[in-house]
Amino acid sequence: MVVLNKIYTRTGDKGDTALGNGARVAKHDPRVEAYGTSDELNCFVGVARLHASGDTDAALSRIQNDLFDLGADLCRPDMEQDATAEYPPLRMAGSQVDRLEAEIDVMNAVLEPLRSFILPGGSELAAHLHVCRTVARRAERLATDLATRETVNDAAVRYLNRLSDWFFVAARMANNSGKDDVLWVPGANR
């Protein structure tokens, strides 16, 4: 368990930070960008939860916890367990991806198939979920970019990919099961 007795440490005052394995890197390192964006996404999920209730709020709560798991995974570059580590690295698991897929399937079953692209918006919750969707896509791009340079847990990348799909379908659900989706009209303002 993490214990934070002091919030500021002054160790990052020169522009570097510690990864989960203790290595120090620049604060703009691709790994820091990836897990920092997952933290940003978690904040946006918290804002979306202000407009959610019931099953949607419970699912968003699970996602917030998963996003902390994701940050812990991404901040630890060594995929092999270090024998000297105080505790084993926390890694995203395929079961977390499977849960998202199952939830997407349940939500999608009640939605009419899309016949047009939709514009982000509609209800307050849907608008916030669309923001979450785009930040999840950015986190995914950063994680896949990182994976071209270093080893990244495949389940972490798959989770981010599925999570953006989850937010899209959940946004449609928040728009009266898709009935209040705002449809794109190509060339409408020419």
N, C-alpha and C. Protein backbone atom coordinates (compact mmCIF):
# COMPACT_ATOMS: atom_id res chain seq x y z
N MET A 1 0.85 -1.18 0.00
CA MET A 1 0.00 0.00 0.00
C MET A 1 0.89 1.24 0.00
N VAL A 2 0.43 2.27 -0.63
CA VAL A 2 1.17 3.52 -0.72
C VAL A 2 0.89 4.36 0.51
N VAL A 3 1.93 4.95 1.07
CA VAL A 3 1.80 5.87 2.18
C VAL A 3 2.40 7.20 1.74
N LEU A 4 1.61 8.25 1.80
CA LEU A 4 2.08 9.59 1.41
C LEU A 4 2.05 10.49 2.64
N ASN A 5 3.19 10.60 3.29
CA ASN A 5 3.28 11.46 4.47
C ASN A 5 3.52 12.91 4.09
N LYS A 6 4.21 13.10 2.98
CA LYS A 6 4.57 14.44 2.55
C LYS A 6 4.25 14.53 1.06
N ILE A 7 3.55 15.56 0.65
CA ILE A 7 3.13 15.68 -0.74
C ILE A 7 4.25 16.23 -1.62
N TYR A 8 4.95 17.22 -1.17
CA TYR A 8 6.06 17.75 -1.98
C TYR A 8 7.37 17.14 -1.49
N THR A 9 8.23 16.83 -2.45
CA THR A 9 9.52 16.20 -2.11
C THR A 9 10.71 17.01 -2.61
N ARG A 10 10.46 17.90 -3.54
CA ARG A 10 11.49 18.73 -4.18
C ARG A 10 12.41 17.92 -5.10
N THR A 11 12.18 16.62 -5.21
CA THR A 11 13.06 15.79 -6.04
C THR A 11 12.84 16.03 -7.53
N GLY A 12 11.73 16.62 -7.90
CA GLY A 12 11.46 16.88 -9.32
C GLY A 12 11.67 18.31 -9.74
N ASP A 13 12.27 19.09 -8.90
CA ASP A 13 12.45 20.51 -9.18
C ASP A 13 13.33 20.80 -10.39
N LYS A 14 14.11 19.85 -10.81
CA LYS A 14 14.99 20.06 -11.97
C LYS A 14 14.42 19.40 -13.24
N GLY A 15 13.14 19.00 -13.19
CA GLY A 15 12.49 18.50 -14.40
C GLY A 15 12.55 17.01 -14.61
N ASP A 16 12.89 16.25 -13.56
CA ASP A 16 12.86 14.80 -13.71
C ASP A 16 11.95 14.21 -12.64
N THR A 17 11.63 12.94 -12.79
CA THR A 17 10.73 12.26 -11.86
C THR A 17 11.14 10.80 -11.75
N ALA A 18 10.65 10.13 -10.73
CA ALA A 18 10.98 8.72 -10.52
C ALA A 18 9.89 7.84 -11.10
N LEU A 19 10.31 6.80 -11.80
CA LEU A 19 9.38 5.77 -12.27
C LEU A 19 9.12 4.78 -11.14
N GLY A 20 8.24 3.84 -11.39
CA GLY A 20 7.88 2.86 -10.38
C GLY A 20 9.02 1.96 -9.95
N ASN A 21 10.05 1.85 -10.78
CA ASN A 21 11.21 1.02 -10.42
C ASN A 21 12.34 1.85 -9.82
N GLY A 22 12.08 3.15 -9.59
CA GLY A 22 13.08 4.02 -8.99
C GLY A 22 13.95 4.78 -9.98
N ALA A 23 13.96 4.36 -11.25
CA ALA A 23 14.76 5.07 -12.26
C ALA A 23 14.23 6.49 -12.42
N ARG A 24 15.11 7.42 -12.68
CA ARG A 24 14.71 8.81 -12.88
C ARG A 24 14.75 9.13 -14.35
N VAL A 25 13.71 9.81 -14.82
CA VAL A 25 13.60 10.21 -16.22
C VAL A 25 13.05 11.63 -16.27
N ALA A 26 13.16 12.25 -17.45
CA ALA A 26 12.60 13.59 -17.64
C ALA A 26 11.08 13.53 -17.50
N LYS A 27 10.52 14.61 -17.01
CA LYS A 27 9.07 14.65 -16.83
C LYS A 27 8.32 14.61 -18.16
N HIS A 28 9.02 14.84 -19.26
CA HIS A 28 8.40 14.77 -20.58
C HIS A 28 8.74 13.45 -21.29
N ASP A 29 9.29 12.50 -20.56
CA ASP A 29 9.60 11.18 -21.11
C ASP A 29 8.31 10.53 -21.65
N PRO A 30 8.38 9.80 -22.76
CA PRO A 30 7.17 9.17 -23.33
C PRO A 30 6.41 8.30 -22.32
N ARG A 31 7.12 7.64 -21.42
CA ARG A 31 6.44 6.81 -20.42
C ARG A 31 5.63 7.70 -19.46
N VAL A 32 6.21 8.82 -19.05
CA VAL A 32 5.52 9.74 -18.16
C VAL A 32 4.32 10.36 -18.88
N GLU A 33 4.51 10.68 -20.16
CA GLU A 33 3.38 11.21 -20.96
C GLU A 33 2.23 10.21 -20.98
N ALA A 34 2.54 8.92 -21.16
CA ALA A 34 1.49 7.89 -21.25
C ALA A 34 0.74 7.74 -19.93
N TYR A 35 1.48 7.57 -18.82
CA TYR A 35 0.74 7.38 -17.57
C TYR A 35 0.16 8.69 -17.05
N GLY A 36 0.77 9.81 -17.41
CA GLY A 36 0.19 11.10 -17.05
C GLY A 36 -1.14 11.34 -17.74
N THR A 37 -1.24 10.90 -18.98
CA THR A 37 -2.49 11.06 -19.72
C THR A 37 -3.57 10.12 -19.17
N SER A 38 -3.17 8.95 -18.69
CA SER A 38 -4.16 8.07 -18.06
C SER A 38 -4.68 8.71 -16.77
N ASP A 39 -3.82 9.44 -16.06
CA ASP A 39 -4.25 10.17 -14.87
C ASP A 39 -5.20 11.31 -15.25
N GLU A 40 -4.87 12.02 -16.34
CA GLU A 40 -5.76 13.08 -16.83
C GLU A 40 -7.13 12.49 -17.18
N LEU A 41 -7.11 11.34 -17.85
CA LEU A 41 -8.37 10.68 -18.18
C LEU A 41 -9.17 10.36 -16.92
N ASN A 42 -8.49 9.89 -15.89
CA ASN A 42 -9.16 9.55 -14.64
C ASN A 42 -9.87 10.78 -14.07
N CYS A 43 -9.25 11.94 -14.20
CA CYS A 43 -9.87 13.18 -13.73
C CYS A 43 -11.14 13.49 -14.51
N PHE A 44 -11.09 13.31 -15.83
CA PHE A 44 -12.28 13.55 -16.65
C PHE A 44 -13.39 12.55 -16.32
N VAL A 45 -13.02 11.32 -16.00
CA VAL A 45 -14.02 10.33 -15.58
C VAL A 45 -14.68 10.81 -14.29
N GLY A 46 -13.88 11.36 -13.39
CA GLY A 46 -14.46 11.90 -12.15
C GLY A 46 -15.47 13.00 -12.42
N VAL A 47 -15.21 13.85 -13.39
CA VAL A 47 -16.17 14.90 -13.76
C VAL A 47 -17.43 14.27 -14.37
N ALA A 48 -17.25 13.28 -15.23
CA ALA A 48 -18.41 12.60 -15.83
C ALA A 48 -19.29 11.98 -14.75
N ARG A 49 -18.67 11.45 -13.71
CA ARG A 49 -19.43 10.81 -12.63
C ARG A 49 -20.37 11.78 -11.93
N LEU A 50 -20.08 13.09 -12.00
CA LEU A 50 -20.98 14.07 -11.39
C LEU A 50 -22.35 14.04 -12.05
N HIS A 51 -22.43 13.50 -13.26
CA HIS A 51 -23.68 13.47 -14.02
C HIS A 51 -24.22 12.05 -14.18
N ALA A 52 -23.57 11.08 -13.56
CA ALA A 52 -23.95 9.67 -13.72
C ALA A 52 -24.64 9.17 -12.45
N SER A 53 -25.36 8.08 -12.62
CA SER A 53 -25.99 7.43 -11.46
C SER A 53 -26.10 5.94 -11.76
N GLY A 54 -26.49 5.19 -10.76
CA GLY A 54 -26.78 3.77 -10.92
C GLY A 54 -25.64 2.97 -11.51
N ASP A 55 -25.99 2.11 -12.47
CA ASP A 55 -25.01 1.21 -13.09
C ASP A 55 -23.89 1.97 -13.80
N THR A 56 -24.23 3.11 -14.41
CA THR A 56 -23.21 3.88 -15.12
C THR A 56 -22.19 4.43 -14.14
N ASP A 57 -22.65 4.97 -13.02
CA ASP A 57 -21.73 5.48 -12.01
C ASP A 57 -20.86 4.36 -11.46
N ALA A 58 -21.46 3.20 -11.21
CA ALA A 58 -20.69 2.06 -10.69
C ALA A 58 -19.63 1.62 -11.69
N ALA A 59 -19.98 1.60 -12.97
CA ALA A 59 -19.01 1.22 -14.00
C ALA A 59 -17.89 2.25 -14.08
N LEU A 60 -18.23 3.52 -14.01
CA LEU A 60 -17.21 4.57 -14.05
C LEU A 60 -16.29 4.49 -12.82
N SER A 61 -16.83 4.11 -11.69
CA SER A 61 -16.02 3.91 -10.49
C SER A 61 -15.01 2.79 -10.71
N ARG A 62 -15.45 1.68 -11.31
CA ARG A 62 -14.54 0.58 -11.62
C ARG A 62 -13.45 1.04 -12.60
N ILE A 63 -13.86 1.83 -13.59
CA ILE A 63 -12.90 2.34 -14.58
C ILE A 63 -11.87 3.23 -13.91
N GLN A 64 -12.30 4.08 -12.97
CA GLN A 64 -11.34 4.93 -12.28
C GLN A 64 -10.29 4.09 -11.55
N ASN A 65 -10.73 3.03 -10.90
CA ASN A 65 -9.77 2.16 -10.22
C ASN A 65 -8.84 1.49 -11.23
N ASP A 66 -9.41 1.03 -12.35
CA ASP A 66 -8.60 0.42 -13.41
C ASP A 66 -7.55 1.41 -13.92
N LEU A 67 -7.93 2.68 -14.03
CA LEU A 67 -6.99 3.68 -14.55
C LEU A 67 -5.81 3.88 -13.59
N PHE A 68 -6.03 3.71 -12.29
CA PHE A 68 -4.90 3.75 -11.36
C PHE A 68 -4.02 2.52 -11.58
N ASP A 69 -4.67 1.36 -11.81
CA ASP A 69 -3.89 0.15 -12.14
C ASP A 69 -3.07 0.39 -13.40
N LEU A 70 -3.69 1.02 -14.39
CA LEU A 70 -3.01 1.31 -15.65
C LEU A 70 -1.80 2.22 -15.42
N GLY A 71 -1.98 3.26 -14.62
CA GLY A 71 -0.87 4.15 -14.32
C GLY A 71 0.26 3.42 -13.62
N ALA A 72 -0.09 2.53 -12.68
CA ALA A 72 0.93 1.74 -11.99
C ALA A 72 1.66 0.83 -12.97
N ASP A 73 0.94 0.27 -13.93
CA ASP A 73 1.54 -0.59 -14.94
C ASP A 73 2.49 0.22 -15.82
N LEU A 74 2.00 1.34 -16.34
CA LEU A 74 2.80 2.13 -17.27
C LEU A 74 4.02 2.79 -16.61
N CYS A 75 3.95 3.06 -15.32
CA CYS A 75 5.08 3.74 -14.66
C CYS A 75 6.19 2.75 -14.30
N ARG A 76 5.96 1.48 -14.56
CA ARG A 76 6.97 0.45 -14.22
C ARG A 76 7.50 -0.16 -15.50
N PRO A 77 8.66 0.31 -16.00
CA PRO A 77 9.14 -0.13 -17.30
C PRO A 77 9.61 -1.56 -17.38
N ASP A 78 10.08 -2.12 -16.29
CA ASP A 78 10.61 -3.48 -16.36
C ASP A 78 9.47 -4.49 -16.28
N MET A 79 9.29 -5.25 -17.36
CA MET A 79 8.19 -6.21 -17.42
C MET A 79 8.48 -7.44 -16.55
N GLU A 80 9.73 -7.74 -16.34
CA GLU A 80 10.09 -8.88 -15.50
C GLU A 80 10.07 -8.43 -14.04
N GLN A 81 9.63 -9.32 -13.17
CA GLN A 81 9.62 -8.97 -11.75
C GLN A 81 11.05 -8.89 -11.23
N ASP A 82 11.35 -7.78 -10.62
CA ASP A 82 12.67 -7.56 -10.02
C ASP A 82 12.70 -8.29 -8.67
N ALA A 83 13.67 -9.18 -8.49
CA ALA A 83 13.77 -9.97 -7.25
C ALA A 83 13.98 -9.08 -6.04
N THR A 84 14.50 -7.87 -6.25
CA THR A 84 14.74 -6.98 -5.13
C THR A 84 13.56 -6.04 -4.87
N ALA A 85 12.51 -6.13 -5.70
CA ALA A 85 11.37 -5.23 -5.54
C ALA A 85 10.64 -5.51 -4.23
N GLU A 86 10.19 -4.44 -3.61
CA GLU A 86 9.45 -4.56 -2.35
C GLU A 86 8.12 -5.27 -2.56
N TYR A 87 7.52 -5.06 -3.71
CA TYR A 87 6.26 -5.72 -4.06
C TYR A 87 6.25 -5.92 -5.57
N PRO A 88 5.52 -6.92 -6.05
CA PRO A 88 5.52 -7.18 -7.50
C PRO A 88 4.84 -6.05 -8.26
N PRO A 89 5.30 -5.79 -9.48
CA PRO A 89 4.66 -4.75 -10.29
C PRO A 89 3.20 -5.09 -10.56
N LEU A 90 2.35 -4.09 -10.49
CA LEU A 90 0.93 -4.28 -10.81
C LEU A 90 0.78 -4.16 -12.32
N ARG A 91 0.20 -5.15 -12.94
CA ARG A 91 0.01 -5.14 -14.38
C ARG A 91 -1.48 -5.26 -14.71
N MET A 92 -1.89 -4.60 -15.79
CA MET A 92 -3.25 -4.76 -16.30
C MET A 92 -3.42 -6.21 -16.72
N ALA A 93 -4.64 -6.72 -16.59
CA ALA A 93 -4.92 -8.11 -16.90
C ALA A 93 -5.98 -8.19 -18.00
N GLY A 94 -5.93 -9.28 -18.74
CA GLY A 94 -6.92 -9.51 -19.80
C GLY A 94 -8.34 -9.49 -19.26
N SER A 95 -8.55 -9.89 -18.01
CA SER A 95 -9.90 -9.90 -17.44
C SER A 95 -10.48 -8.49 -17.37
N GLN A 96 -9.63 -7.47 -17.23
CA GLN A 96 -10.14 -6.09 -17.21
C GLN A 96 -10.62 -5.69 -18.60
N VAL A 97 -9.94 -6.15 -19.63
CA VAL A 97 -10.37 -5.91 -21.02
C VAL A 97 -11.66 -6.68 -21.28
N ASP A 98 -11.72 -7.92 -20.83
CA ASP A 98 -12.91 -8.76 -21.02
C ASP A 98 -14.14 -8.13 -20.37
N ARG A 99 -13.96 -7.54 -19.18
CA ARG A 99 -15.09 -6.90 -18.50
C ARG A 99 -15.62 -5.73 -19.32
N LEU A 100 -14.71 -4.91 -19.87
CA LEU A 100 -15.15 -3.80 -20.72
C LEU A 100 -15.93 -4.31 -21.92
N GLU A 101 -15.42 -5.36 -22.56
CA GLU A 101 -16.11 -5.91 -23.73
C GLU A 101 -17.50 -6.40 -23.37
N ALA A 102 -17.64 -7.08 -22.23
CA ALA A 102 -18.95 -7.57 -21.80
C ALA A 102 -19.91 -6.40 -21.55
N GLU A 103 -19.40 -5.36 -20.92
CA GLU A 103 -20.25 -4.18 -20.65
C GLU A 103 -20.64 -3.48 -21.95
N ILE A 104 -19.71 -3.39 -22.89
CA ILE A 104 -20.03 -2.79 -24.19
C ILE A 104 -21.14 -3.59 -24.87
N ASP A 105 -21.03 -4.91 -24.85
CA ASP A 105 -22.03 -5.77 -25.50
C ASP A 105 -23.41 -5.59 -24.88
N VAL A 106 -23.47 -5.48 -23.56
CA VAL A 106 -24.76 -5.27 -22.89
C VAL A 106 -25.37 -3.94 -23.30
N MET A 107 -24.56 -2.87 -23.28
CA MET A 107 -25.08 -1.54 -23.66
C MET A 107 -25.47 -1.52 -25.13
N ASN A 108 -24.62 -2.07 -25.96
CA ASN A 108 -24.84 -2.00 -27.41
C ASN A 108 -26.08 -2.78 -27.84
N ALA A 109 -26.47 -3.78 -27.07
CA ALA A 109 -27.62 -4.62 -27.43
C ALA A 109 -28.93 -3.83 -27.48
N VAL A 110 -29.01 -2.72 -26.75
CA VAL A 110 -30.26 -1.95 -26.74
C VAL A 110 -30.21 -0.75 -27.68
N LEU A 111 -29.07 -0.52 -28.30
CA LEU A 111 -28.92 0.64 -29.19
C LEU A 111 -29.26 0.27 -30.63
N GLU A 112 -29.89 1.21 -31.31
CA GLU A 112 -30.10 1.04 -32.75
C GLU A 112 -28.76 1.18 -33.46
N PRO A 113 -28.54 0.43 -34.53
CA PRO A 113 -27.28 0.60 -35.27
C PRO A 113 -27.14 2.03 -35.79
N LEU A 114 -25.91 2.51 -35.80
CA LEU A 114 -25.65 3.85 -36.31
C LEU A 114 -25.79 3.88 -37.83
N ARG A 115 -26.41 4.93 -38.33
CA ARG A 115 -26.54 5.12 -39.76
C ARG A 115 -25.84 6.42 -40.20
N SER A 116 -25.19 7.05 -39.22
CA SER A 116 -24.45 8.28 -39.46
C SER A 116 -23.41 8.40 -38.35
N PHE A 117 -22.38 9.18 -38.59
CA PHE A 117 -21.49 9.51 -37.49
C PHE A 117 -22.25 10.42 -36.55
N ILE A 118 -21.87 10.42 -35.28
CA ILE A 118 -22.55 11.32 -34.34
C ILE A 118 -21.56 12.38 -33.85
N LEU A 119 -22.12 13.53 -33.53
CA LEU A 119 -21.32 14.63 -33.00
C LEU A 119 -21.25 14.48 -31.48
N PRO A 120 -20.12 14.80 -30.88
CA PRO A 120 -20.02 14.71 -29.42
C PRO A 120 -20.99 15.69 -28.78
N GLY A 121 -21.80 15.21 -27.91
CA GLY A 121 -22.75 16.07 -27.22
C GLY A 121 -24.03 15.36 -26.89
N GLY A 122 -25.08 16.14 -26.78
CA GLY A 122 -26.36 15.61 -26.34
C GLY A 122 -26.54 15.97 -24.88
N SER A 123 -26.67 14.96 -24.04
CA SER A 123 -26.82 15.21 -22.60
C SER A 123 -25.47 15.62 -21.99
N GLU A 124 -25.53 16.18 -20.78
CA GLU A 124 -24.28 16.56 -20.10
C GLU A 124 -23.38 15.34 -19.92
N LEU A 125 -23.96 14.22 -19.48
CA LEU A 125 -23.17 13.02 -19.28
C LEU A 125 -22.55 12.55 -20.59
N ALA A 126 -23.33 12.54 -21.66
CA ALA A 126 -22.81 12.10 -22.95
C ALA A 126 -21.65 12.99 -23.40
N ALA A 127 -21.78 14.29 -23.23
CA ALA A 127 -20.71 15.21 -23.63
C ALA A 127 -19.43 14.91 -22.85
N HIS A 128 -19.56 14.68 -21.56
CA HIS A 128 -18.37 14.36 -20.75
C HIS A 128 -17.78 13.01 -21.13
N LEU A 129 -18.63 12.05 -21.45
CA LEU A 129 -18.12 10.73 -21.86
C LEU A 129 -17.39 10.81 -23.19
N HIS A 130 -17.83 11.70 -24.08
CA HIS A 130 -17.11 11.89 -25.34
C HIS A 130 -15.73 12.51 -25.10
N VAL A 131 -15.63 13.42 -24.13
CA VAL A 131 -14.31 13.95 -23.77
C VAL A 131 -13.44 12.81 -23.26
N CYS A 132 -14.00 11.96 -22.40
CA CYS A 132 -13.25 10.80 -21.89
C CYS A 132 -12.80 9.91 -23.05
N ARG A 133 -13.65 9.73 -24.03
CA ARG A 133 -13.32 8.89 -25.19
C ARG A 133 -12.10 9.43 -25.92
N THR A 134 -12.07 10.74 -26.14
CA THR A 134 -10.95 11.30 -26.90
C THR A 134 -9.66 11.31 -26.08
N VAL A 135 -9.76 11.51 -24.78
CA VAL A 135 -8.55 11.46 -23.94
C VAL A 135 -8.05 10.02 -23.86
N ALA A 136 -8.97 9.06 -23.82
CA ALA A 136 -8.55 7.64 -23.84
C ALA A 136 -7.82 7.32 -25.14
N ARG A 137 -8.29 7.86 -26.25
CA ARG A 137 -7.60 7.63 -27.54
C ARG A 137 -6.20 8.26 -27.52
N ARG A 138 -6.08 9.44 -26.91
CA ARG A 138 -4.76 10.06 -26.83
C ARG A 138 -3.83 9.22 -25.96
N ALA A 139 -4.35 8.73 -24.83
CA ALA A 139 -3.54 7.87 -23.97
C ALA A 139 -3.11 6.61 -24.72
N GLU A 140 -4.02 6.08 -25.53
CA GLU A 140 -3.69 4.90 -26.33
C GLU A 140 -2.59 5.22 -27.34
N ARG A 141 -2.70 6.37 -28.01
CA ARG A 141 -1.65 6.75 -28.97
C ARG A 141 -0.29 6.88 -28.28
N LEU A 142 -0.29 7.47 -27.09
CA LEU A 142 0.96 7.63 -26.36
C LEU A 142 1.51 6.27 -25.91
N ALA A 143 0.63 5.37 -25.48
CA ALA A 143 1.07 4.04 -25.05
C ALA A 143 1.61 3.24 -26.23
N THR A 144 0.96 3.34 -27.39
CA THR A 144 1.46 2.60 -28.55
C THR A 144 2.76 3.20 -29.06
N ASP A 145 2.90 4.52 -28.95
CA ASP A 145 4.17 5.14 -29.31
C ASP A 145 5.27 4.66 -28.37
N LEU A 146 4.96 4.62 -27.08
CA LEU A 146 5.93 4.12 -26.10
C LEU A 146 6.31 2.68 -26.43
N ALA A 147 5.35 1.89 -26.87
CA ALA A 147 5.61 0.47 -27.17
C ALA A 147 6.53 0.29 -28.37
N THR A 148 6.69 1.34 -29.19
CA THR A 148 7.66 1.24 -30.30
C THR A 148 9.09 1.44 -29.79
N ARG A 149 9.23 1.96 -28.57
CA ARG A 149 10.55 2.26 -28.00
C ARG A 149 10.94 1.29 -26.89
N GLU A 150 9.92 0.87 -26.12
CA GLU A 150 10.15 0.06 -24.93
C GLU A 150 9.06 -1.00 -24.84
N THR A 151 9.26 -1.95 -23.96
CA THR A 151 8.25 -2.98 -23.75
C THR A 151 7.10 -2.40 -22.94
N VAL A 152 5.88 -2.63 -23.43
CA VAL A 152 4.66 -2.20 -22.75
C VAL A 152 3.73 -3.40 -22.67
N ASN A 153 3.08 -3.55 -21.55
CA ASN A 153 2.13 -4.64 -21.35
C ASN A 153 1.02 -4.56 -22.41
N ASP A 154 0.86 -5.62 -23.18
CA ASP A 154 -0.16 -5.66 -24.24
C ASP A 154 -1.56 -5.44 -23.68
N ALA A 155 -1.84 -5.95 -22.50
CA ALA A 155 -3.17 -5.77 -21.90
C ALA A 155 -3.45 -4.31 -21.61
N ALA A 156 -2.42 -3.53 -21.31
CA ALA A 156 -2.61 -2.10 -21.06
C ALA A 156 -3.06 -1.38 -22.32
N VAL A 157 -2.44 -1.71 -23.44
CA VAL A 157 -2.81 -1.08 -24.71
C VAL A 157 -4.21 -1.53 -25.12
N ARG A 158 -4.50 -2.82 -24.98
CA ARG A 158 -5.84 -3.32 -25.34
C ARG A 158 -6.91 -2.68 -24.45
N TYR A 159 -6.59 -2.48 -23.17
CA TYR A 159 -7.54 -1.85 -22.27
C TYR A 159 -7.89 -0.45 -22.75
N LEU A 160 -6.87 0.33 -23.10
CA LEU A 160 -7.14 1.69 -23.57
C LEU A 160 -7.95 1.69 -24.86
N ASN A 161 -7.66 0.76 -25.75
CA ASN A 161 -8.41 0.68 -27.00
C ASN A 161 -9.88 0.37 -26.71
N ARG A 162 -10.12 -0.59 -25.86
CA ARG A 162 -11.49 -0.97 -25.54
C ARG A 162 -12.19 0.09 -24.73
N LEU A 163 -11.43 0.80 -23.87
CA LEU A 163 -12.03 1.82 -23.02
C LEU A 163 -12.62 2.96 -23.84
N SER A 164 -11.94 3.37 -24.89
CA SER A 164 -12.50 4.44 -25.72
C SER A 164 -13.78 3.97 -26.39
N ASP A 165 -13.86 2.69 -26.78
CA ASP A 165 -15.10 2.14 -27.32
C ASP A 165 -16.20 2.15 -26.26
N TRP A 166 -15.82 1.81 -25.03
CA TRP A 166 -16.78 1.80 -23.92
C TRP A 166 -17.38 3.19 -23.74
N PHE A 167 -16.52 4.21 -23.74
CA PHE A 167 -17.02 5.58 -23.56
C PHE A 167 -17.96 5.98 -24.69
N PHE A 168 -17.65 5.57 -25.91
CA PHE A 168 -18.52 5.90 -27.05
C PHE A 168 -19.91 5.30 -26.86
N VAL A 169 -19.95 4.02 -26.54
CA VAL A 169 -21.25 3.34 -26.37
C VAL A 169 -21.98 3.89 -25.15
N ALA A 170 -21.25 4.16 -24.06
CA ALA A 170 -21.88 4.73 -22.87
C ALA A 170 -22.44 6.12 -23.15
N ALA A 171 -21.76 6.90 -23.99
CA ALA A 171 -22.27 8.22 -24.36
C ALA A 171 -23.58 8.08 -25.12
N ARG A 172 -23.65 7.10 -26.00
CA ARG A 172 -24.92 6.87 -26.72
C ARG A 172 -26.02 6.48 -25.74
N MET A 173 -25.69 5.64 -24.77
CA MET A 173 -26.68 5.26 -23.76
C MET A 173 -27.15 6.48 -22.98
N ALA A 174 -26.22 7.39 -22.68
CA ALA A 174 -26.56 8.60 -21.93
C ALA A 174 -27.42 9.56 -22.75
N ASN A 175 -27.48 9.35 -24.04
CA ASN A 175 -28.34 10.14 -24.92
C ASN A 175 -29.64 9.39 -25.20
N ASN A 176 -30.29 8.98 -24.11
CA ASN A 176 -31.59 8.31 -24.24
C ASN A 176 -31.47 7.09 -25.14
N SER A 177 -30.50 6.23 -24.83
CA SER A 177 -30.23 5.01 -25.60
C SER A 177 -30.04 5.31 -27.08
N GLY A 178 -29.37 6.40 -27.36
CA GLY A 178 -29.05 6.77 -28.73
C GLY A 178 -30.12 7.59 -29.43
N LYS A 179 -31.31 7.67 -28.87
CA LYS A 179 -32.41 8.41 -29.52
C LYS A 179 -32.12 9.91 -29.60
N ASP A 180 -31.31 10.42 -28.67
CA ASP A 180 -30.99 11.85 -28.66
C ASP A 180 -29.56 12.13 -29.14
N ASP A 181 -28.95 11.16 -29.82
CA ASP A 181 -27.63 11.40 -30.41
C ASP A 181 -27.73 12.55 -31.40
N VAL A 182 -26.69 13.34 -31.47
CA VAL A 182 -26.63 14.44 -32.42
C VAL A 182 -25.92 13.92 -33.67
N LEU A 183 -26.64 13.82 -34.76
CA LEU A 183 -26.10 13.22 -35.98
C LEU A 183 -25.34 14.24 -36.82
N TRP A 184 -24.27 13.77 -37.39
CA TRP A 184 -23.49 14.57 -38.33
C TRP A 184 -24.24 14.62 -39.65
N VAL A 185 -24.38 15.82 -40.21
CA VAL A 185 -24.98 16.00 -41.53
C VAL A 185 -23.87 16.50 -42.44
N PRO A 186 -23.31 15.62 -43.28
CA PRO A 186 -22.19 16.01 -44.13
C PRO A 186 -22.54 17.21 -45.01
N GLY A 187 -21.68 18.21 -45.01
CA GLY A 187 -21.86 19.38 -45.87
C GLY A 187 -23.04 20.26 -45.51
N ALA A 188 -23.58 20.14 -44.30
CA ALA A 188 -24.80 20.87 -43.94
C ALA A 188 -24.65 22.37 -44.00
N ASN A 189 -23.46 22.88 -43.83
CA ASN A 189 -23.28 24.33 -43.74
C ASN A 189 -22.54 24.93 -44.93
N ARG A 190 -22.59 24.27 -46.05
CA ARG A 190 -21.91 24.78 -47.24
C ARG A 190 -22.63 25.99 -47.79
